[in-house]
């Protein structure tokens, strides 16, 4: 297969990371606010799921103790 040196791999990695950084620089502000709203919604759903799991565990614990 192809044999690349360590310098070639590092330079390719640097070029790719630079390109990724430039691609993220042109995100419209609407997308950023939508991502923030989505994060808040995801945290709400995750918190609700955690509360449900804790409630189920407490219910099982109470049934076992009786």
Protein backbone atom coordinates (compact mmCIF):
# COMPACT_ATOMS: atom_id res chain seq x y z
CA UNK A 1 0.00 0.00 0.00
CA UNK A 2 1.07 3.61 0.30
CA UNK A 3 3.92 4.51 2.60
CA UNK A 4 3.78 7.98 4.05
CA UNK A 5 6.22 9.48 6.43
CA UNK A 6 5.33 11.05 9.73
CA UNK A 7 5.77 14.56 8.30
CA UNK A 8 3.36 13.87 5.45
CA UNK A 9 0.71 12.56 7.83
CA UNK A 10 1.06 15.55 10.15
CA UNK A 11 0.88 18.04 7.31
CA UNK A 12 -2.25 16.34 5.93
CA UNK A 13 -3.82 16.44 9.38
CA UNK A 14 -3.00 20.13 9.74
CA UNK A 15 -4.51 20.91 6.33
CA UNK A 16 -7.71 19.01 7.15
CA UNK A 17 -8.11 20.69 10.52
CA UNK A 18 -7.58 24.10 8.93
CA UNK A 19 -10.22 23.35 6.31
CA UNK A 20 -12.68 22.18 8.97
CA UNK A 21 -12.14 25.36 10.98
CA UNK A 22 -12.84 27.53 7.95
CA UNK A 23 -15.96 25.56 7.08
CA UNK A 24 -17.44 26.21 10.50
CA UNK A 25 -16.77 29.94 10.31
CA UNK A 26 -19.61 30.58 7.84
CA UNK A 27 -22.51 29.13 9.87
CA UNK A 28 -25.52 31.48 9.85
CA UNK A 29 -26.69 32.81 13.21
CA UNK A 30 -30.09 31.13 12.77
CA UNK A 31 -28.40 27.73 12.74
CA UNK A 32 -26.49 28.57 15.89
CA UNK A 33 -29.65 29.62 17.73
CA UNK A 34 -31.47 26.51 16.50
CA UNK A 35 -28.64 24.35 17.83
CA UNK A 36 -28.87 26.11 21.19
CA UNK A 37 -32.64 25.52 21.28
CA UNK A 38 -32.11 21.88 20.35
CA UNK A 39 -29.57 21.51 23.15
CA UNK A 40 -32.07 22.88 25.67
CA UNK A 41 -34.75 20.49 24.40
CA UNK A 42 -32.35 17.53 24.56
CA UNK A 43 -31.38 18.40 28.13
CA UNK A 44 -35.06 18.56 29.09
CA UNK A 45 -35.76 15.15 27.58
CA UNK A 46 -32.64 13.65 29.18
CA UNK A 47 -33.63 15.06 32.58
CA UNK A 48 -37.12 13.63 32.24
CA UNK A 49 -35.68 10.25 31.30
CA UNK A 50 -33.40 10.32 34.34
CA UNK A 51 -36.34 11.14 36.63
CA UNK A 52 -38.34 8.26 35.15
CA UNK A 53 -35.46 5.81 35.64
CA UNK A 54 -35.00 6.93 39.25
CA UNK A 55 -38.76 6.61 39.89
CA UNK A 56 -38.81 3.07 38.50
CA UNK A 57 -35.79 2.09 40.61
CA UNK A 58 -37.41 3.59 43.74
CA UNK A 59 -40.66 1.75 43.03
CA UNK A 60 -38.79 -1.56 42.63
CA UNK A 61 -36.86 -0.88 45.84
CA UNK A 62 -40.07 -0.17 47.76
CA UNK A 63 -41.75 -3.35 46.47
CA UNK A 64 -38.75 -5.42 47.45
CA UNK A 65 -38.74 -3.96 50.97
CA UNK A 66 -42.40 -4.71 51.68
